[in-house]
Amino acid sequence: MSTYTDYLENKILDHITGKASYTMPTVYVALFTANPTDAGGGTEANYTSYARVTTSAATWASAASGATSNAAAITFPACTGGSNTITGFGAYDNSSGGNLLWYGTCSLSVSTGITPEFAIGELDITQT
């Protein structure tokens, strides 16, 4: 399960009330070693070779009952050095920096030779 950030909630509200248009950007999935909050923040993974993963519309299932999940595996670069204890994930609107859109928790230990991956259906996005 995930939570929208304050940033995305405000963009959606401004869009649906006609205050501003908003086009959903390319989404980049990130891993965290310290989880963010609605206001953003958190500590992103930093193992050797780590990078956010670019997604597209085909990566995600069509929403139903206020929820969706990944329709394709989301595979991060293999760890070639260092290690991280992953406690969460997030989605950004940029491959580095950018605005955090939503986030959630997970649990994974990453060390040399490990290729972090979210299998189909493992990343849930739910509106509450």
N, C-alpha and C. Protein backbone atom coordinates (compact mmCIF):
# COMPACT_ATOMS: atom_id res chain seq x y z
N MET A 1 0.84 -1.18 0.00
CA MET A 1 0.00 0.00 0.00
C MET A 1 0.88 1.24 0.00
N SER A 2 0.40 2.29 -0.55
CA SER A 2 1.19 3.52 -0.64
C SER A 2 0.36 4.72 -0.21
N THR A 3 1.06 5.83 -0.07
CA THR A 3 0.45 7.08 0.34
C THR A 3 0.87 8.18 -0.63
N TYR A 4 -0.07 8.99 -1.07
CA TYR A 4 0.27 10.14 -1.89
C TYR A 4 0.95 11.19 -1.01
N THR A 5 1.90 11.92 -1.59
CA THR A 5 2.53 13.01 -0.86
C THR A 5 1.63 14.24 -0.93
N ASP A 6 1.91 15.20 -0.05
CA ASP A 6 1.18 16.47 -0.08
C ASP A 6 1.31 17.13 -1.44
N TYR A 7 2.49 17.05 -2.04
CA TYR A 7 2.74 17.65 -3.35
C TYR A 7 1.73 17.12 -4.38
N LEU A 8 1.62 15.78 -4.50
CA LEU A 8 0.72 15.20 -5.50
C LEU A 8 -0.74 15.47 -5.15
N GLU A 9 -1.10 15.37 -3.89
CA GLU A 9 -2.49 15.65 -3.50
C GLU A 9 -2.91 17.05 -3.94
N ASN A 10 -2.03 18.04 -3.72
CA ASN A 10 -2.34 19.41 -4.11
C ASN A 10 -2.45 19.56 -5.62
N LYS A 11 -1.57 18.90 -6.38
CA LYS A 11 -1.62 18.95 -7.84
C LYS A 11 -2.94 18.36 -8.35
N ILE A 12 -3.35 17.23 -7.78
CA ILE A 12 -4.60 16.59 -8.20
C ILE A 12 -5.80 17.48 -7.87
N LEU A 13 -5.84 18.04 -6.67
CA LEU A 13 -6.95 18.90 -6.27
C LEU A 13 -7.04 20.15 -7.15
N ASP A 14 -5.89 20.78 -7.42
CA ASP A 14 -5.90 21.95 -8.30
C ASP A 14 -6.38 21.57 -9.70
N HIS A 15 -6.02 20.39 -10.15
CA HIS A 15 -6.43 19.94 -11.48
C HIS A 15 -7.94 19.69 -11.55
N ILE A 16 -8.47 18.94 -10.59
CA ILE A 16 -9.90 18.59 -10.68
C ILE A 16 -10.83 19.76 -10.34
N THR A 17 -10.30 20.81 -9.70
CA THR A 17 -11.13 21.99 -9.43
C THR A 17 -10.91 23.07 -10.48
N GLY A 18 -10.10 22.78 -11.49
CA GLY A 18 -9.89 23.73 -12.58
C GLY A 18 -8.91 24.84 -12.27
N LYS A 19 -8.23 24.77 -11.14
CA LYS A 19 -7.27 25.82 -10.78
C LYS A 19 -6.02 25.77 -11.64
N ALA A 20 -5.61 24.55 -12.04
CA ALA A 20 -4.40 24.39 -12.85
C ALA A 20 -4.46 23.04 -13.56
N SER A 21 -3.86 22.99 -14.72
CA SER A 21 -3.81 21.69 -15.40
C SER A 21 -2.61 20.91 -14.85
N TYR A 22 -2.70 19.61 -14.90
CA TYR A 22 -1.62 18.77 -14.43
C TYR A 22 -1.54 17.54 -15.31
N THR A 23 -0.42 17.34 -15.91
CA THR A 23 -0.17 16.16 -16.71
C THR A 23 0.79 15.28 -15.94
N MET A 24 0.40 14.04 -15.73
CA MET A 24 1.25 13.13 -14.97
C MET A 24 2.56 12.94 -15.72
N PRO A 25 3.66 13.12 -15.03
CA PRO A 25 4.97 13.00 -15.66
C PRO A 25 5.39 11.53 -15.77
N THR A 26 6.52 11.29 -16.41
CA THR A 26 7.15 9.97 -16.34
C THR A 26 7.42 9.68 -14.88
N VAL A 27 7.15 8.46 -14.44
CA VAL A 27 7.33 8.08 -13.04
C VAL A 27 8.60 7.23 -12.90
N TYR A 28 9.42 7.58 -11.92
CA TYR A 28 10.66 6.88 -11.61
C TYR A 28 10.53 6.28 -10.22
N VAL A 29 10.67 4.97 -10.10
CA VAL A 29 10.54 4.31 -8.81
C VAL A 29 11.90 4.29 -8.12
N ALA A 30 11.89 4.61 -6.83
CA ALA A 30 13.10 4.70 -6.02
C ALA A 30 13.00 3.75 -4.82
N LEU A 31 14.14 3.43 -4.23
CA LEU A 31 14.20 2.64 -3.01
C LEU A 31 14.71 3.51 -1.88
N PHE A 32 14.24 3.26 -0.65
CA PHE A 32 14.63 4.06 0.51
C PHE A 32 15.21 3.20 1.62
N THR A 33 16.19 3.78 2.32
CA THR A 33 16.74 3.16 3.53
C THR A 33 16.15 3.82 4.77
N ALA A 34 15.58 4.99 4.63
CA ALA A 34 14.81 5.67 5.67
C ALA A 34 13.61 6.29 4.95
N ASN A 35 12.42 5.94 5.38
CA ASN A 35 11.21 6.27 4.63
C ASN A 35 10.86 7.75 4.69
N PRO A 36 10.30 8.26 3.58
CA PRO A 36 9.84 9.64 3.53
C PRO A 36 8.50 9.79 4.25
N THR A 37 8.01 11.01 4.28
CA THR A 37 6.70 11.32 4.84
C THR A 37 5.88 12.01 3.76
N ASP A 38 4.67 12.42 4.09
CA ASP A 38 3.83 13.15 3.13
C ASP A 38 4.51 14.41 2.61
N ALA A 39 5.38 14.99 3.40
CA ALA A 39 6.08 16.20 3.01
C ALA A 39 7.33 15.91 2.18
N GLY A 40 7.67 14.64 1.99
CA GLY A 40 8.87 14.28 1.21
C GLY A 40 9.96 13.77 2.12
N GLY A 41 11.19 14.02 1.74
CA GLY A 41 12.33 13.61 2.55
C GLY A 41 12.65 12.14 2.38
N GLY A 42 13.16 11.52 3.44
CA GLY A 42 13.60 10.13 3.38
C GLY A 42 15.04 10.05 2.92
N THR A 43 15.61 8.86 2.99
CA THR A 43 16.98 8.63 2.54
C THR A 43 16.94 7.57 1.45
N GLU A 44 17.35 7.97 0.26
CA GLU A 44 17.32 7.05 -0.87
C GLU A 44 18.49 6.07 -0.80
N ALA A 45 18.28 4.88 -1.36
CA ALA A 45 19.33 3.85 -1.40
C ALA A 45 20.59 4.42 -2.05
N ASN A 46 21.73 3.84 -1.70
CA ASN A 46 22.98 4.35 -2.26
C ASN A 46 23.99 3.24 -2.55
N TYR A 47 23.52 1.99 -2.71
CA TYR A 47 24.47 0.92 -3.04
C TYR A 47 25.08 1.20 -4.42
N THR A 48 26.24 0.63 -4.67
CA THR A 48 26.93 0.84 -5.93
C THR A 48 26.08 0.32 -7.09
N SER A 49 25.88 1.12 -8.09
CA SER A 49 25.09 0.86 -9.30
C SER A 49 23.61 1.20 -9.13
N TYR A 50 23.19 1.65 -7.95
CA TYR A 50 21.77 1.99 -7.73
C TYR A 50 21.34 3.13 -8.64
N ALA A 51 20.14 3.03 -9.16
CA ALA A 51 19.50 4.11 -9.92
C ALA A 51 18.00 3.91 -9.85
N ARG A 52 17.26 4.98 -9.94
CA ARG A 52 15.80 4.88 -10.02
C ARG A 52 15.43 4.17 -11.33
N VAL A 53 14.26 3.55 -11.32
CA VAL A 53 13.79 2.82 -12.49
C VAL A 53 12.67 3.60 -13.17
N THR A 54 12.82 3.83 -14.47
CA THR A 54 11.81 4.51 -15.27
C THR A 54 10.63 3.58 -15.52
N THR A 55 9.41 4.09 -15.34
CA THR A 55 8.23 3.31 -15.65
C THR A 55 7.45 4.00 -16.77
N SER A 56 6.48 3.29 -17.30
CA SER A 56 5.60 3.85 -18.33
C SER A 56 4.18 3.39 -18.02
N ALA A 57 3.23 3.82 -18.82
CA ALA A 57 1.84 3.40 -18.60
C ALA A 57 1.72 1.87 -18.63
N ALA A 58 2.52 1.22 -19.45
CA ALA A 58 2.47 -0.25 -19.55
C ALA A 58 2.96 -0.94 -18.28
N THR A 59 3.70 -0.22 -17.45
CA THR A 59 4.21 -0.79 -16.20
C THR A 59 3.09 -1.00 -15.19
N TRP A 60 2.00 -0.23 -15.32
CA TRP A 60 0.95 -0.21 -14.30
C TRP A 60 -0.34 -0.80 -14.83
N ALA A 61 -1.05 -1.52 -13.97
CA ALA A 61 -2.37 -2.07 -14.30
C ALA A 61 -3.39 -0.93 -14.30
N SER A 62 -4.49 -1.11 -15.00
CA SER A 62 -5.58 -0.14 -14.96
C SER A 62 -6.18 -0.14 -13.55
N ALA A 63 -6.52 1.04 -13.08
CA ALA A 63 -7.07 1.18 -11.73
C ALA A 63 -8.47 0.58 -11.65
N ALA A 64 -8.77 0.01 -10.49
CA ALA A 64 -10.10 -0.51 -10.19
C ALA A 64 -10.32 -0.38 -8.69
N SER A 65 -11.48 0.07 -8.29
CA SER A 65 -11.83 0.24 -6.87
C SER A 65 -10.82 1.12 -6.12
N GLY A 66 -10.31 2.14 -6.81
CA GLY A 66 -9.39 3.08 -6.17
C GLY A 66 -7.99 2.56 -5.95
N ALA A 67 -7.59 1.52 -6.69
CA ALA A 67 -6.26 0.95 -6.50
C ALA A 67 -5.68 0.46 -7.81
N THR A 68 -4.37 0.36 -7.85
CA THR A 68 -3.65 -0.24 -8.97
C THR A 68 -2.37 -0.86 -8.42
N SER A 69 -1.68 -1.58 -9.27
CA SER A 69 -0.38 -2.15 -8.91
C SER A 69 0.44 -2.29 -10.18
N ASN A 70 1.69 -2.68 -10.02
CA ASN A 70 2.54 -2.83 -11.20
C ASN A 70 2.14 -4.06 -12.00
N ALA A 71 1.97 -3.86 -13.31
CA ALA A 71 1.59 -4.93 -14.23
C ALA A 71 2.83 -5.57 -14.86
N ALA A 72 3.98 -5.01 -14.61
CA ALA A 72 5.26 -5.54 -15.10
C ALA A 72 6.25 -5.48 -13.94
N ALA A 73 7.23 -6.36 -13.98
CA ALA A 73 8.26 -6.34 -12.95
C ALA A 73 9.01 -5.01 -13.01
N ILE A 74 9.39 -4.51 -11.85
CA ILE A 74 10.20 -3.29 -11.75
C ILE A 74 11.54 -3.74 -11.19
N THR A 75 12.56 -3.76 -12.05
CA THR A 75 13.86 -4.31 -11.69
C THR A 75 14.90 -3.21 -11.61
N PHE A 76 15.58 -3.12 -10.48
CA PHE A 76 16.63 -2.14 -10.25
C PHE A 76 17.97 -2.70 -10.69
N PRO A 77 18.97 -1.84 -10.90
CA PRO A 77 20.30 -2.35 -11.23
C PRO A 77 20.84 -3.23 -10.10
N ALA A 78 21.59 -4.26 -10.48
CA ALA A 78 22.20 -5.16 -9.50
C ALA A 78 23.21 -4.40 -8.64
N CYS A 79 23.30 -4.76 -7.40
CA CYS A 79 24.27 -4.17 -6.48
C CYS A 79 25.66 -4.70 -6.84
N THR A 80 26.59 -3.80 -7.11
CA THR A 80 27.97 -4.20 -7.41
C THR A 80 28.93 -3.86 -6.28
N GLY A 81 28.40 -3.33 -5.20
CA GLY A 81 29.21 -3.01 -4.04
C GLY A 81 28.39 -2.31 -2.98
N GLY A 82 28.82 -2.43 -1.75
CA GLY A 82 28.09 -1.83 -0.65
C GLY A 82 26.86 -2.65 -0.30
N SER A 83 26.07 -2.13 0.60
CA SER A 83 24.84 -2.82 0.98
C SER A 83 23.86 -1.81 1.53
N ASN A 84 22.59 -2.14 1.46
CA ASN A 84 21.52 -1.30 2.00
C ASN A 84 20.44 -2.19 2.56
N THR A 85 19.80 -1.73 3.64
CA THR A 85 18.58 -2.34 4.13
C THR A 85 17.45 -1.45 3.64
N ILE A 86 16.67 -1.95 2.71
CA ILE A 86 15.62 -1.18 2.08
C ILE A 86 14.35 -1.30 2.93
N THR A 87 13.79 -0.14 3.29
CA THR A 87 12.59 -0.10 4.12
C THR A 87 11.38 0.49 3.40
N GLY A 88 11.61 1.05 2.22
CA GLY A 88 10.49 1.66 1.51
C GLY A 88 10.80 1.93 0.06
N PHE A 89 9.77 2.34 -0.66
CA PHE A 89 9.87 2.71 -2.06
C PHE A 89 9.15 4.02 -2.26
N GLY A 90 9.43 4.67 -3.36
CA GLY A 90 8.74 5.91 -3.68
C GLY A 90 8.73 6.12 -5.18
N ALA A 91 7.89 7.03 -5.63
CA ALA A 91 7.80 7.37 -7.05
C ALA A 91 8.07 8.86 -7.19
N TYR A 92 8.97 9.19 -8.10
CA TYR A 92 9.36 10.57 -8.36
C TYR A 92 8.98 10.98 -9.78
N ASP A 93 9.00 12.28 -10.02
CA ASP A 93 8.74 12.81 -11.35
C ASP A 93 10.02 13.15 -12.09
N ASN A 94 11.16 12.63 -11.62
CA ASN A 94 12.44 12.88 -12.27
C ASN A 94 13.39 11.74 -11.93
N SER A 95 14.37 11.50 -12.79
CA SER A 95 15.32 10.41 -12.56
C SER A 95 16.30 10.70 -11.43
N SER A 96 16.46 11.97 -11.09
CA SER A 96 17.23 12.37 -9.90
C SER A 96 16.62 13.67 -9.38
N GLY A 97 16.63 13.85 -8.07
CA GLY A 97 15.95 15.02 -7.52
C GLY A 97 14.46 14.90 -7.80
N GLY A 98 13.83 15.99 -8.14
CA GLY A 98 12.41 15.96 -8.50
C GLY A 98 11.50 15.96 -7.29
N ASN A 99 10.23 15.72 -7.56
CA ASN A 99 9.19 15.72 -6.53
C ASN A 99 8.76 14.29 -6.23
N LEU A 100 8.70 13.96 -4.96
CA LEU A 100 8.18 12.66 -4.55
C LEU A 100 6.66 12.68 -4.72
N LEU A 101 6.11 11.67 -5.41
CA LEU A 101 4.68 11.62 -5.70
C LEU A 101 3.92 10.72 -4.73
N TRP A 102 4.43 9.52 -4.50
CA TRP A 102 3.84 8.61 -3.53
C TRP A 102 4.92 7.72 -2.98
N TYR A 103 4.63 7.03 -1.87
CA TYR A 103 5.62 6.19 -1.22
C TYR A 103 4.93 5.09 -0.42
N GLY A 104 5.69 4.09 -0.06
CA GLY A 104 5.17 2.99 0.74
C GLY A 104 6.31 2.23 1.38
N THR A 105 5.98 1.21 2.12
CA THR A 105 6.99 0.42 2.83
C THR A 105 7.22 -0.92 2.15
N CYS A 106 8.41 -1.43 2.36
CA CYS A 106 8.79 -2.76 1.90
C CYS A 106 9.99 -3.18 2.74
N SER A 107 10.48 -4.37 2.54
CA SER A 107 11.61 -4.86 3.31
C SER A 107 12.50 -5.71 2.41
N LEU A 108 13.77 -5.31 2.29
CA LEU A 108 14.70 -6.02 1.43
C LEU A 108 16.13 -5.70 1.85
N SER A 109 16.97 -6.70 1.91
CA SER A 109 18.40 -6.49 2.15
C SER A 109 19.12 -6.58 0.82
N VAL A 110 19.89 -5.57 0.50
CA VAL A 110 20.62 -5.53 -0.76
C VAL A 110 22.12 -5.55 -0.47
N SER A 111 22.82 -6.47 -1.12
CA SER A 111 24.28 -6.54 -1.02
C SER A 111 24.81 -6.98 -2.38
N THR A 112 26.12 -7.06 -2.51
CA THR A 112 26.74 -7.38 -3.79
C THR A 112 26.11 -8.63 -4.42
N GLY A 113 25.72 -8.48 -5.68
CA GLY A 113 25.13 -9.58 -6.43
C GLY A 113 23.61 -9.64 -6.38
N ILE A 114 23.00 -8.86 -5.50
CA ILE A 114 21.53 -8.85 -5.38
C ILE A 114 20.96 -7.86 -6.39
N THR A 115 19.91 -8.29 -7.10
CA THR A 115 19.19 -7.42 -8.03
C THR A 115 17.80 -7.17 -7.45
N PRO A 116 17.58 -6.01 -6.83
CA PRO A 116 16.26 -5.72 -6.25
C PRO A 116 15.18 -5.68 -7.34
N GLU A 117 14.03 -6.26 -7.02
CA GLU A 117 12.94 -6.29 -7.99
C GLU A 117 11.60 -6.35 -7.27
N PHE A 118 10.64 -5.64 -7.84
CA PHE A 118 9.25 -5.79 -7.42
C PHE A 118 8.58 -6.64 -8.49
N ALA A 119 8.16 -7.84 -8.13
CA ALA A 119 7.46 -8.71 -9.07
C ALA A 119 6.11 -8.11 -9.43
N ILE A 120 5.52 -8.60 -10.47
CA ILE A 120 4.19 -8.13 -10.88
C ILE A 120 3.22 -8.17 -9.69
N GLY A 121 2.54 -7.06 -9.47
CA GLY A 121 1.55 -6.97 -8.41
C GLY A 121 2.08 -6.64 -7.03
N GLU A 122 3.39 -6.46 -6.88
CA GLU A 122 3.95 -6.20 -5.55
C GLU A 122 3.87 -4.74 -5.10
N LEU A 123 3.84 -3.80 -6.03
CA LEU A 123 3.73 -2.38 -5.66
C LEU A 123 2.29 -1.95 -5.80
N ASP A 124 1.65 -1.65 -4.69
CA ASP A 124 0.25 -1.25 -4.69
C ASP A 124 0.13 0.25 -4.49
N ILE A 125 -0.75 0.86 -5.26
CA ILE A 125 -1.08 2.27 -5.09
C ILE A 125 -2.58 2.31 -4.80
N THR A 126 -2.93 2.82 -3.63
CA THR A 126 -4.33 2.82 -3.22
C THR A 126 -4.75 4.21 -2.78
N GLN A 127 -5.89 4.68 -3.27
CA GLN A 127 -6.45 5.94 -2.82
C GLN A 127 -7.37 5.64 -1.64
N THR A 128 -7.17 6.39 -0.57
CA THR A 128 -8.04 6.20 0.59
C THR A 128 -8.73 7.49 0.95
